[in-house]
């Protein structure tokens, strides 16, 4: 297996948590609500997955527990921002701090404990005749395949369904959407709750597949990279797939450079994805300085129904 193929395999493994988090963030922000709590949600998803999996050894129960916990946190964020019209940035940052602290407390007793079994993989032996494709897709785990299906489903929902059209209308102009009879608050509640659950699945995938041992702060800023990836992907699920795997490749690039005998300190190599994130934001900001950003026009603006006119 050549080095390039190995890098692609590692990119898929490392990029899948980013993909889940980015898709969840896209769903939330398409409805007009800023989501800066991805880091905290991912940590809560990871620690919930660890505690549940160690006690039940059931993948289905573990994923349901992660979805329930992170959906509850999403409900709190929705209540603060949609019903109470709280500052969305402050609420998101509060969720990040809350999730970081609570996950560290809950995970103290299981820190460093390996998981009892691996996530099942989907075997595709009929790909044996295509070496590179077999290496990439022949033995992927079920969560990675679910992320592929999620990209397609979310793309179809946003761009090819009436509900997706309603959601985009709410994100761009909630007053007009309300006049047309669309339930703005209900849609935003649903998007924030489901999107938060997807971000929680990102933390679960990170723990169950990528690094099967709970470590305090194990996301290492991936939640913030996911926030940047939403902008890179221009709130498009298909673009999010390629952006997530591109940054997944960058995340593993430092380790690959060390394997070939590089004398660059590992601390600098770990900085690669974050440096590239800053550079890409700068380049995109400069190139699109006179163009529409592609973000929902009402993103971050609280909607008070009495003031719709």
C-alpha atoms as a PDB file:
ATOM      1  CA  UNK A   1       0.000   0.000   0.000  1.00  0.00           C
ATOM      2  CA  UNK A   2       1.523   3.342  -1.054  1.00  0.00           C
ATOM      3  CA  UNK A   3       1.914   6.362   1.205  1.00  0.00           C
ATOM      4  CA  UNK A   4      -0.834   8.331  -0.552  1.00  0.00           C
ATOM      5  CA  UNK A   5      -3.404   5.572   0.005  1.00  0.00           C
ATOM      6  CA  UNK A   6      -2.401   5.315   3.657  1.00  0.00           C
ATOM      7  CA  UNK A   7      -2.885   9.065   4.026  1.00  0.00           C
ATOM      8  CA  UNK A   8      -6.370   8.840   2.481  1.00  0.00           C
ATOM      9  CA  UNK A   9      -7.348   6.044   4.862  1.00  0.00           C
ATOM     10  CA  UNK A  10      -6.106   8.063   7.819  1.00  0.00           C
ATOM     11  CA  UNK A  11      -7.915  11.158   6.495  1.00  0.00           C
ATOM     12  CA  UNK A  12     -11.249   9.298   6.467  1.00  0.00           C
ATOM     13  CA  UNK A  13     -10.704   8.030  10.015  1.00  0.00           C
ATOM     14  CA  UNK A  14      -9.638  11.414  11.360  1.00  0.00           C
ATOM     15  CA  UNK A  15     -12.104  13.425   9.290  1.00  0.00           C
ATOM     16  CA  UNK A  16     -15.301  11.545  10.161  1.00  0.00           C
ATOM     17  CA  UNK A  17     -15.715  13.199  13.606  1.00  0.00           C
ATOM     18  CA  UNK A  18     -15.201  16.571  11.927  1.00  0.00           C
ATOM     19  CA  UNK A  19     -17.810  15.647   9.327  1.00  0.00           C
ATOM     20  CA  UNK A  20     -20.451  14.780  11.932  1.00  0.00           C
ATOM     21  CA  UNK A  21     -19.782  18.028  13.809  1.00  0.00           C
ATOM     22  CA  UNK A  22     -19.825  20.122  10.638  1.00  0.00           C
ATOM     23  CA  UNK A  23     -23.108  18.612   9.420  1.00  0.00           C
ATOM     24  CA  UNK A  24     -24.706  19.273  12.800  1.00  0.00           C
ATOM     25  CA  UNK A  25     -23.447  22.858  12.739  1.00  0.00           C
ATOM     26  CA  UNK A  26     -24.759  23.391   9.196  1.00  0.00           C
ATOM     27  CA  UNK A  27     -28.228  22.202  10.221  1.00  0.00           C
ATOM     28  CA  UNK A  28     -28.263  24.559  13.199  1.00  0.00           C
ATOM     29  CA  UNK A  29     -26.902  27.615  11.411  1.00  0.00           C
ATOM     30  CA  UNK A  30     -29.130  27.137   8.370  1.00  0.00           C
ATOM     31  CA  UNK A  31     -32.011  27.910  10.710  1.00  0.00           C
ATOM     32  CA  UNK A  32     -30.349  31.162  11.795  1.00  0.00           C
ATOM     33  CA  UNK A  33     -28.811  30.095  15.140  1.00  0.00           C
ATOM     34  CA  UNK A  34     -25.062  30.410  15.725  1.00  0.00           C
ATOM     35  CA  UNK A  35     -23.473  27.275  17.176  1.00  0.00           C
ATOM     36  CA  UNK A  36     -20.229  27.812  19.062  1.00  0.00           C
ATOM     37  CA  UNK A  37     -20.796  24.976  21.518  1.00  0.00           C
ATOM     38  CA  UNK A  38     -19.429  22.213  19.282  1.00  0.00           C
ATOM     39  CA  UNK A  39     -16.358  21.597  21.440  1.00  0.00           C
ATOM     40  CA  UNK A  40     -18.427  21.070  24.580  1.00  0.00           C
ATOM     41  CA  UNK A  41     -20.993  18.914  22.784  1.00  0.00           C
ATOM     42  CA  UNK A  42     -18.264  16.703  21.308  1.00  0.00           C
ATOM     43  CA  UNK A  43     -16.698  16.206  24.733  1.00  0.00           C
ATOM     44  CA  UNK A  44     -20.063  15.342  26.275  1.00  0.00           C
ATOM     45  CA  UNK A  45     -20.734  12.933  23.419  1.00  0.00           C
ATOM     46  CA  UNK A  46     -17.354  11.281  23.937  1.00  0.00           C
ATOM     47  CA  UNK A  47     -17.616  10.871  27.714  1.00  0.00           C
ATOM     48  CA  UNK A  48     -21.228   9.649  27.452  1.00  0.00           C
ATOM     49  CA  UNK A  49     -20.168   7.105  24.837  1.00  0.00           C
ATOM     50  CA  UNK A  50     -17.305   5.907  27.034  1.00  0.00           C
ATOM     51  CA  UNK A  51     -19.378   5.510  30.203  1.00  0.00           C
ATOM     52  CA  UNK A  52     -22.295   3.848  28.409  1.00  0.00           C
ATOM     53  CA  UNK A  53     -20.182   1.500  26.296  1.00  0.00           C
ATOM     54  CA  UNK A  54     -18.116   0.337  29.274  1.00  0.00           C
ATOM     55  CA  UNK A  55     -21.269  -0.473  31.228  1.00  0.00           C
ATOM     56  CA  UNK A  56     -23.472  -1.944  28.492  1.00  0.00           C
ATOM     57  CA  UNK A  57     -21.082  -3.036  25.701  1.00  0.00           C
ATOM     58  CA  UNK A  58     -23.939  -2.208  23.329  1.00  0.00           C
ATOM     59  CA  UNK A  59     -23.262   0.140  20.415  1.00  0.00           C
ATOM     60  CA  UNK A  60     -26.943   0.919  19.855  1.00  0.00           C
ATOM     61  CA  UNK A  61     -27.604   1.825  23.509  1.00  0.00           C
ATOM     62  CA  UNK A  62     -24.405   3.890  23.537  1.00  0.00           C
ATOM     63  CA  UNK A  63     -25.398   5.913  20.472  1.00  0.00           C
ATOM     64  CA  UNK A  64     -28.929   6.428  21.807  1.00  0.00           C
ATOM     65  CA  UNK A  65     -27.485   7.682  25.108  1.00  0.00           C
ATOM     66  CA  UNK A  66     -25.175  10.104  23.270  1.00  0.00           C
ATOM     67  CA  UNK A  67     -28.062  11.391  21.161  1.00  0.00           C
ATOM     68  CA  UNK A  68     -30.270  11.857  24.238  1.00  0.00           C
ATOM     69  CA  UNK A  69     -27.639  13.714  26.297  1.00  0.00           C
ATOM     70  CA  UNK A  70     -26.530  16.043  23.511  1.00  0.00           C
ATOM     71  CA  UNK A  71     -30.097  16.642  22.336  1.00  0.00           C
ATOM     72  CA  UNK A  72     -30.928  17.745  25.901  1.00  0.00           C
ATOM     73  CA  UNK A  73     -28.017  20.191  25.827  1.00  0.00           C
ATOM     74  CA  UNK A  74     -29.229  21.377  22.424  1.00  0.00           C
ATOM     75  CA  UNK A  75     -32.694  21.901  23.914  1.00  0.00           C
ATOM     76  CA  UNK A  76     -31.112  24.140  26.551  1.00  0.00           C
ATOM     77  CA  UNK A  77     -29.299  26.144  23.858  1.00  0.00           C
ATOM     78  CA  UNK A  78     -32.540  26.445  21.863  1.00  0.00           C
ATOM     79  CA  UNK A  79     -34.479  27.597  24.924  1.00  0.00           C
ATOM     80  CA  UNK A  80     -31.868  30.252  25.685  1.00  0.00           C
ATOM     81  CA  UNK A  81     -31.557  31.579  22.138  1.00  0.00           C
ATOM     82  CA  UNK A  82     -35.012  31.028  20.606  1.00  0.00           C
ATOM     83  CA  UNK A  83     -37.363  31.508  23.554  1.00  0.00           C
ATOM     84  CA  UNK A  84     -35.357  33.852  25.788  1.00  0.00           C
ATOM     85  CA  UNK A  85     -33.557  35.625  22.888  1.00  0.00           C
ATOM     86  CA  UNK A  86     -30.220  35.329  24.689  1.00  0.00           C
ATOM     87  CA  UNK A  87     -27.005  36.248  22.900  1.00  0.00           C
ATOM     88  CA  UNK A  88     -26.258  33.237  20.713  1.00  0.00           C
ATOM     89  CA  UNK A  89     -22.478  33.616  20.899  1.00  0.00           C
ATOM     90  CA  UNK A  90     -22.494  33.781  24.698  1.00  0.00           C
ATOM     91  CA  UNK A  91     -24.858  30.810  24.933  1.00  0.00           C
ATOM     92  CA  UNK A  92     -22.651  28.736  22.630  1.00  0.00           C
ATOM     93  CA  UNK A  93     -19.502  29.583  24.557  1.00  0.00           C
ATOM     94  CA  UNK A  94     -21.282  28.714  27.798  1.00  0.00           C
ATOM     95  CA  UNK A  95     -22.136  25.267  26.403  1.00  0.00           C
ATOM     96  CA  UNK A  96     -18.487  24.767  25.456  1.00  0.00           C
ATOM     97  CA  UNK A  97     -17.297  25.619  28.956  1.00  0.00           C
ATOM     98  CA  UNK A  98     -20.088  23.607  30.579  1.00  0.00           C
ATOM     99  CA  UNK A  99     -19.391  20.549  28.410  1.00  0.00           C
ATOM    100  CA  UNK A 100     -15.632  20.763  28.946  1.00  0.00           C
ATOM    101  CA  UNK A 101     -15.947  20.951  32.727  1.00  0.00           C
ATOM    102  CA  UNK A 102     -18.691  18.367  33.153  1.00  0.00           C
ATOM    103  CA  UNK A 103     -17.032  15.846  30.814  1.00  0.00           C
ATOM    104  CA  UNK A 104     -13.755  16.165  32.739  1.00  0.00           C
ATOM    105  CA  UNK A 105     -15.596  15.494  36.018  1.00  0.00           C
ATOM    106  CA  UNK A 106     -17.623  12.552  34.683  1.00  0.00           C
ATOM    107  CA  UNK A 107     -14.656  10.967  32.945  1.00  0.00           C
ATOM    108  CA  UNK A 108     -12.262  10.969  35.907  1.00  0.00           C
ATOM    109  CA  UNK A 109     -13.066   7.412  36.894  1.00  0.00           C
ATOM    110  CA  UNK A 110     -12.629   5.940  33.399  1.00  0.00           C
ATOM    111  CA  UNK A 111      -9.683   7.975  32.138  1.00  0.00           C
ATOM    112  CA  UNK A 112      -7.284   5.715  30.241  1.00  0.00           C
ATOM    113  CA  UNK A 113      -9.614   2.691  30.371  1.00  0.00           C
ATOM    114  CA  UNK A 114      -9.673   0.910  26.974  1.00  0.00           C
ATOM    115  CA  UNK A 115     -13.031   0.025  25.433  1.00  0.00           C
ATOM    116  CA  UNK A 116     -13.977  -3.677  25.577  1.00  0.00           C
ATOM    117  CA  UNK A 117     -14.616  -4.096  21.823  1.00  0.00           C
ATOM    118  CA  UNK A 118     -14.310  -2.245  18.537  1.00  0.00           C
ATOM    119  CA  UNK A 119     -17.114  -0.773  16.442  1.00  0.00           C
ATOM    120  CA  UNK A 120     -18.282  -3.310  13.809  1.00  0.00           C
ATOM    121  CA  UNK A 121     -16.949  -2.889  10.279  1.00  0.00           C
ATOM    122  CA  UNK A 122     -18.796  -3.388   7.017  1.00  0.00           C
ATOM    123  CA  UNK A 123     -16.952  -5.947   4.894  1.00  0.00           C
ATOM    124  CA  UNK A 124     -17.160  -5.506   1.105  1.00  0.00           C
ATOM    125  CA  UNK A 125     -15.193  -8.435  -0.350  1.00  0.00           C
ATOM    126  CA  UNK A 126     -16.487  -7.767  -3.881  1.00  0.00           C
ATOM    127  CA  UNK A 127     -14.130  -4.763  -4.031  1.00  0.00           C
ATOM    128  CA  UNK A 128     -11.047  -7.018  -3.890  1.00  0.00           C
ATOM    129  CA  UNK A 129     -10.343  -6.484  -7.588  1.00  0.00           C
ATOM    130  CA  UNK A 130      -9.947  -2.713  -7.139  1.00  0.00           C
ATOM    131  CA  UNK A 131      -6.945  -2.298  -4.778  1.00  0.00           C
ATOM    132  CA  UNK A 132      -7.198   1.404  -3.885  1.00  0.00           C
ATOM    133  CA  UNK A 133     -10.994   1.393  -3.588  1.00  0.00           C
ATOM    134  CA  UNK A 134     -10.820  -1.784  -1.484  1.00  0.00           C
ATOM    135  CA  UNK A 135      -8.268  -0.188   0.822  1.00  0.00           C
ATOM    136  CA  UNK A 136     -10.436   2.917   1.266  1.00  0.00           C
ATOM    137  CA  UNK A 137     -13.946   1.484   1.456  1.00  0.00           C
ATOM    138  CA  UNK A 138     -13.604  -2.272   1.918  1.00  0.00           C
ATOM    139  CA  UNK A 139     -13.557  -2.324   5.732  1.00  0.00           C
ATOM    140  CA  UNK A 140     -15.047   0.937   6.964  1.00  0.00           C
ATOM    141  CA  UNK A 141     -16.917   0.996  10.268  1.00  0.00           C
ATOM    142  CA  UNK A 142     -20.672   1.510  10.462  1.00  0.00           C
ATOM    143  CA  UNK A 143     -20.402   5.069  11.787  1.00  0.00           C
ATOM    144  CA  UNK A 144     -18.364   6.170   8.761  1.00  0.00           C
ATOM    145  CA  UNK A 145     -20.943   4.683   6.393  1.00  0.00           C
ATOM    146  CA  UNK A 146     -23.642   6.423   8.393  1.00  0.00           C
ATOM    147  CA  UNK A 147     -21.828   9.747   7.925  1.00  0.00           C
ATOM    148  CA  UNK A 148     -21.849   9.194   4.129  1.00  0.00           C
ATOM    149  CA  UNK A 149     -25.592   8.533   4.206  1.00  0.00           C
ATOM    150  CA  UNK A 150     -26.076  11.576   6.418  1.00  0.00           C
ATOM    151  CA  UNK A 151     -24.371  13.847   3.882  1.00  0.00           C
ATOM    152  CA  UNK A 152     -26.746  12.675   1.146  1.00  0.00           C
ATOM    153  CA  UNK A 153     -29.831  12.877   3.383  1.00  0.00           C
ATOM    154  CA  UNK A 154     -29.007  16.362   4.661  1.00  0.00           C
ATOM    155  CA  UNK A 155     -28.241  17.624   1.142  1.00  0.00           C
ATOM    156  CA  UNK A 156     -31.565  16.275  -0.142  1.00  0.00           C
ATOM    157  CA  UNK A 157     -33.400  17.730   2.854  1.00  0.00           C
ATOM    158  CA  UNK A 158     -31.947  21.234   2.492  1.00  0.00           C
ATOM    159  CA  UNK A 159     -32.147  21.577  -1.283  1.00  0.00           C
ATOM    160  CA  UNK A 160     -34.907  19.237  -2.455  1.00  0.00           C
ATOM    161  CA  UNK A 161     -37.704  19.239   0.128  1.00  0.00           C
ATOM    162  CA  UNK A 162     -40.331  21.767   1.167  1.00  0.00           C
ATOM    163  CA  UNK A 163     -39.193  21.499   4.799  1.00  0.00           C
ATOM    164  CA  UNK A 164     -35.660  22.344   3.726  1.00  0.00           C
ATOM    165  CA  UNK A 165     -36.990  25.354   1.833  1.00  0.00           C
ATOM    166  CA  UNK A 166     -38.825  26.445   4.979  1.00  0.00           C
ATOM    167  CA  UNK A 167     -35.649  26.094   7.017  1.00  0.00           C
ATOM    168  CA  UNK A 168     -33.655  28.196   4.541  1.00  0.00           C
ATOM    169  CA  UNK A 169     -36.402  30.820   4.552  1.00  0.00           C
ATOM    170  CA  UNK A 170     -36.259  30.968   8.349  1.00  0.00           C
ATOM    171  CA  UNK A 171     -32.470  31.361   8.242  1.00  0.00           C
ATOM    172  CA  UNK A 172     -32.647  34.178   5.694  1.00  0.00           C
ATOM    173  CA  UNK A 173     -35.782  36.070   6.715  1.00  0.00           C
ATOM    174  CA  UNK A 174     -37.760  34.709   9.675  1.00  0.00           C
ATOM    175  CA  UNK A 175     -40.300  37.567   9.528  1.00  0.00           C
ATOM    176  CA  UNK A 176     -41.339  36.707   5.984  1.00  0.00           C
ATOM    177  CA  UNK A 177     -41.357  32.992   6.816  1.00  0.00           C
ATOM    178  CA  UNK A 178     -43.642  33.689   9.788  1.00  0.00           C
ATOM    179  CA  UNK A 179     -46.036  35.692   7.632  1.00  0.00           C
ATOM    180  CA  UNK A 180     -46.210  32.744   5.218  1.00  0.00           C
ATOM    181  CA  UNK A 181     -47.346  30.507   8.075  1.00  0.00           C
ATOM    182  CA  UNK A 182     -44.054  28.740   8.828  1.00  0.00           C
ATOM    183  CA  UNK A 183     -43.561  28.002  12.526  1.00  0.00           C
ATOM    184  CA  UNK A 184     -40.223  29.738  13.057  1.00  0.00           C
ATOM    185  CA  UNK A 185     -39.661  28.783  16.677  1.00  0.00           C
ATOM    186  CA  UNK A 186     -40.598  25.124  16.153  1.00  0.00           C
ATOM    187  CA  UNK A 187     -38.243  24.804  13.181  1.00  0.00           C
ATOM    188  CA  UNK A 188     -35.376  26.416  15.066  1.00  0.00           C
ATOM    189  CA  UNK A 189     -35.943  24.212  18.097  1.00  0.00           C
ATOM    190  CA  UNK A 190     -35.911  21.103  15.906  1.00  0.00           C
ATOM    191  CA  UNK A 191     -32.769  22.128  14.001  1.00  0.00           C
ATOM    192  CA  UNK A 192     -30.819  23.014  17.147  1.00  0.00           C
ATOM    193  CA  UNK A 193     -31.789  19.803  18.955  1.00  0.00           C
ATOM    194  CA  UNK A 194     -31.061  17.474  16.006  1.00  0.00           C
ATOM    195  CA  UNK A 195     -27.887  19.364  15.065  1.00  0.00           C
ATOM    196  CA  UNK A 196     -26.605  19.139  18.644  1.00  0.00           C
ATOM    197  CA  UNK A 197     -27.238  15.379  18.626  1.00  0.00           C
ATOM    198  CA  UNK A 198     -25.181  15.061  15.428  1.00  0.00           C
ATOM    199  CA  UNK A 199     -22.336  17.015  17.018  1.00  0.00           C
ATOM    200  CA  UNK A 200     -22.538  14.641  19.979  1.00  0.00           C
ATOM    201  CA  UNK A 201     -22.164  11.730  17.545  1.00  0.00           C
ATOM    202  CA  UNK A 202     -18.933  13.374  16.404  1.00  0.00           C
ATOM    203  CA  UNK A 203     -17.559  12.971  19.916  1.00  0.00           C
ATOM    204  CA  UNK A 204     -18.840   9.398  20.060  1.00  0.00           C
ATOM    205  CA  UNK A 205     -17.113   8.553  16.767  1.00  0.00           C
ATOM    206  CA  UNK A 206     -13.912  10.157  18.012  1.00  0.00           C
ATOM    207  CA  UNK A 207     -13.906   7.883  21.053  1.00  0.00           C
ATOM    208  CA  UNK A 208     -15.369   4.673  19.638  1.00  0.00           C
ATOM    209  CA  UNK A 209     -13.429   4.588  16.360  1.00  0.00           C
ATOM    210  CA  UNK A 210     -10.535   7.031  16.237  1.00  0.00           C
ATOM    211  CA  UNK A 211      -9.160   6.950  19.793  1.00  0.00           C
ATOM    212  CA  UNK A 212     -10.900   4.232  21.883  1.00  0.00           C
ATOM    213  CA  UNK A 213      -9.893   5.560  25.294  1.00  0.00           C
ATOM    214  CA  UNK A 214     -11.307   8.519  27.200  1.00  0.00           C
ATOM    215  CA  UNK A 215      -8.804  11.308  27.839  1.00  0.00           C
ATOM    216  CA  UNK A 216      -9.751  14.664  29.319  1.00  0.00           C
ATOM    217  CA  UNK A 217     -10.004  17.279  26.560  1.00  0.00           C
ATOM    218  CA  UNK A 218      -9.515  14.608  23.885  1.00  0.00           C
ATOM    219  CA  UNK A 219     -11.192  16.717  21.176  1.00  0.00           C
ATOM    220  CA  UNK A 220      -8.126  19.017  21.185  1.00  0.00           C
ATOM    221  CA  UNK A 221      -9.935  21.872  19.466  1.00  0.00           C
ATOM    222  CA  UNK A 222     -11.704  19.795  16.820  1.00  0.00           C
ATOM    223  CA  UNK A 223     -14.980  21.476  17.720  1.00  0.00           C
ATOM    224  CA  UNK A 224     -13.528  24.844  16.767  1.00  0.00           C
ATOM    225  CA  UNK A 225     -12.180  23.427  13.506  1.00  0.00           C
ATOM    226  CA  UNK A 226     -15.707  22.182  12.779  1.00  0.00           C
ATOM    227  CA  UNK A 227     -17.006  25.727  13.292  1.00  0.00           C
ATOM    228  CA  UNK A 228     -14.474  26.933  10.712  1.00  0.00           C
ATOM    229  CA  UNK A 229     -15.377  24.077   8.347  1.00  0.00           C
ATOM    230  CA  UNK A 230     -18.984  25.293   8.273  1.00  0.00           C
ATOM    231  CA  UNK A 231     -17.687  28.519   6.746  1.00  0.00           C
ATOM    232  CA  UNK A 232     -15.271  26.727   4.389  1.00  0.00           C
ATOM    233  CA  UNK A 233     -18.121  24.528   3.146  1.00  0.00           C
ATOM    234  CA  UNK A 234     -20.385  27.579   2.739  1.00  0.00           C
ATOM    235  CA  UNK A 235     -23.130  25.791   4.677  1.00  0.00           C
ATOM    236  CA  UNK A 236     -23.267  22.989   2.095  1.00  0.00           C
ATOM    237  CA  UNK A 237     -23.240  19.326   3.308  1.00  0.00           C
ATOM    238  CA  UNK A 238     -21.503  17.923   0.204  1.00  0.00           C
ATOM    239  CA  UNK A 239     -18.691  20.463   0.436  1.00  0.00           C
ATOM    240  CA  UNK A 240     -18.458  19.663   4.137  1.00  0.00           C
ATOM    241  CA  UNK A 241     -17.517  16.076   3.233  1.00  0.00           C
ATOM    242  CA  UNK A 242     -14.440  17.148   1.276  1.00  0.00           C
ATOM    243  CA  UNK A 243     -13.484  19.881   3.755  1.00  0.00           C
ATOM    244  CA  UNK A 244     -13.664  17.469   6.699  1.00  0.00           C
ATOM    245  CA  UNK A 245     -11.444  14.894   4.989  1.00  0.00           C
ATOM    246  CA  UNK A 246      -8.996  17.562   3.861  1.00  0.00           C
ATOM    247  CA  UNK A 247      -8.513  18.679   7.461  1.00  0.00           C
ATOM    248  CA  UNK A 248      -8.516  15.061   8.582  1.00  0.00           C
ATOM    249  CA  UNK A 249      -5.531  14.526   6.270  1.00  0.00           C
ATOM    250  CA  UNK A 250      -3.809  17.565   7.762  1.00  0.00           C
ATOM    251  CA  UNK A 251      -4.444  16.204  11.250  1.00  0.00           C
ATOM    252  CA  UNK A 252      -2.624  12.962  10.413  1.00  0.00           C
ATOM    253  CA  UNK A 253       0.051  14.579   8.273  1.00  0.00           C
ATOM    254  CA  UNK A 254       2.223  15.455  11.280  1.00  0.00           C
ATOM    255  CA  UNK A 255       2.348  11.825  12.400  1.00  0.00           C
ATOM    256  CA  UNK A 256       3.228  10.690   8.859  1.00  0.00           C
ATOM    257  CA  UNK A 257       6.035  13.244   8.688  1.00  0.00           C
ATOM    258  CA  UNK A 258       7.471  11.854  11.932  1.00  0.00           C
ATOM    259  CA  UNK A 259       7.388   8.325  10.500  1.00  0.00           C
ATOM    260  CA  UNK A 260       9.688   9.268   7.624  1.00  0.00           C
ATOM    261  CA  UNK A 261      12.310  10.454  10.086  1.00  0.00           C
ATOM    262  CA  UNK A 262      11.724  14.189  10.196  1.00  0.00           C
ATOM    263  CA  UNK A 263      13.484  16.110  12.988  1.00  0.00           C
ATOM    264  CA  UNK A 264      10.761  18.770  13.209  1.00  0.00           C
ATOM    265  CA  UNK A 265       9.509  18.936  16.827  1.00  0.00           C
ATOM    266  CA  UNK A 266       6.127  17.139  17.151  1.00  0.00           C
ATOM    267  CA  UNK A 267       4.627  20.207  18.818  1.00  0.00           C
ATOM    268  CA  UNK A 268       5.011  22.147  15.576  1.00  0.00           C
ATOM    269  CA  UNK A 269       3.622  19.261  13.519  1.00  0.00           C
ATOM    270  CA  UNK A 270       0.485  19.170  15.685  1.00  0.00           C
ATOM    271  CA  UNK A 271      -0.050  22.832  14.857  1.00  0.00           C
ATOM    272  CA  UNK A 272      -0.488  22.127  11.121  1.00  0.00           C
ATOM    273  CA  UNK A 273      -4.331  21.842  10.985  1.00  0.00           C
ATOM    274  CA  UNK A 274      -4.817  24.929  13.153  1.00  0.00           C
ATOM    275  CA  UNK A 275      -2.350  27.036  11.177  1.00  0.00           C
ATOM    276  CA  UNK A 276      -4.018  25.964   7.934  1.00  0.00           C
ATOM    277  CA  UNK A 277      -7.416  26.846   9.438  1.00  0.00           C
ATOM    278  CA  UNK A 278      -6.247  30.402  10.129  1.00  0.00           C
ATOM    279  CA  UNK A 279      -4.641  30.721   6.686  1.00  0.00           C
ATOM    280  CA  UNK A 280      -7.714  29.439   4.865  1.00  0.00           C
ATOM    281  CA  UNK A 281      -9.958  31.831   6.792  1.00  0.00           C
ATOM    282  CA  UNK A 282      -7.681  34.706   5.825  1.00  0.00           C
ATOM    283  CA  UNK A 283      -7.585  33.692   2.146  1.00  0.00           C
ATOM    284  CA  UNK A 284     -11.344  33.149   1.928  1.00  0.00           C
ATOM    285  CA  UNK A 285     -12.003  36.416   3.711  1.00  0.00           C
ATOM    286  CA  UNK A 286      -9.776  38.298   1.271  1.00  0.00           C
ATOM    287  CA  UNK A 287     -11.099  36.592  -1.880  1.00  0.00           C
ATOM    288  CA  UNK A 288     -14.749  37.010  -0.895  1.00  0.00           C
ATOM    289  CA  UNK A 289     -14.457  40.458   0.644  1.00  0.00           C
ATOM    290  CA  UNK A 290     -16.760  41.943  -2.019  1.00  0.00           C
ATOM    291  CA  UNK A 291     -19.003  38.879  -2.414  1.00  0.00           C
ATOM    292  CA  UNK A 292     -21.871  37.452  -0.359  1.00  0.00           C
ATOM    293  CA  UNK A 293     -20.567  35.130   2.342  1.00  0.00           C
ATOM    294  CA  UNK A 294     -23.133  32.427   1.634  1.00  0.00           C
ATOM    295  CA  UNK A 295     -24.247  32.399   5.255  1.00  0.00           C
ATOM    296  CA  UNK A 296     -27.950  32.649   6.195  1.00  0.00           C
ATOM    297  CA  UNK A 297     -28.812  36.331   6.206  1.00  0.00           C
ATOM    298  CA  UNK A 298     -30.486  36.249   9.607  1.00  0.00           C
ATOM    299  CA  UNK A 299     -27.728  34.186  11.250  1.00  0.00           C
ATOM    300  CA  UNK A 300     -27.269  35.314  14.841  1.00  0.00           C
ATOM    301  CA  UNK A 301     -30.238  37.706  14.830  1.00  0.00           C
ATOM    302  CA  UNK A 302     -32.914  36.841  17.440  1.00  0.00           C
ATOM    303  CA  UNK A 303     -36.456  36.797  16.093  1.00  0.00           C
ATOM    304  CA  UNK A 304     -39.160  38.435  18.206  1.00  0.00           C
ATOM    305  CA  UNK A 305     -42.525  37.821  16.620  1.00  0.00           C
ATOM    306  CA  UNK A 306     -44.109  41.034  17.875  1.00  0.00           C
ATOM    307  CA  UNK A 307     -41.462  42.978  15.928  1.00  0.00           C
ATOM    308  CA  UNK A 308     -41.884  41.161  12.600  1.00  0.00           C
ATOM    309  CA  UNK A 309     -43.276  44.305  10.957  1.00  0.00           C
END
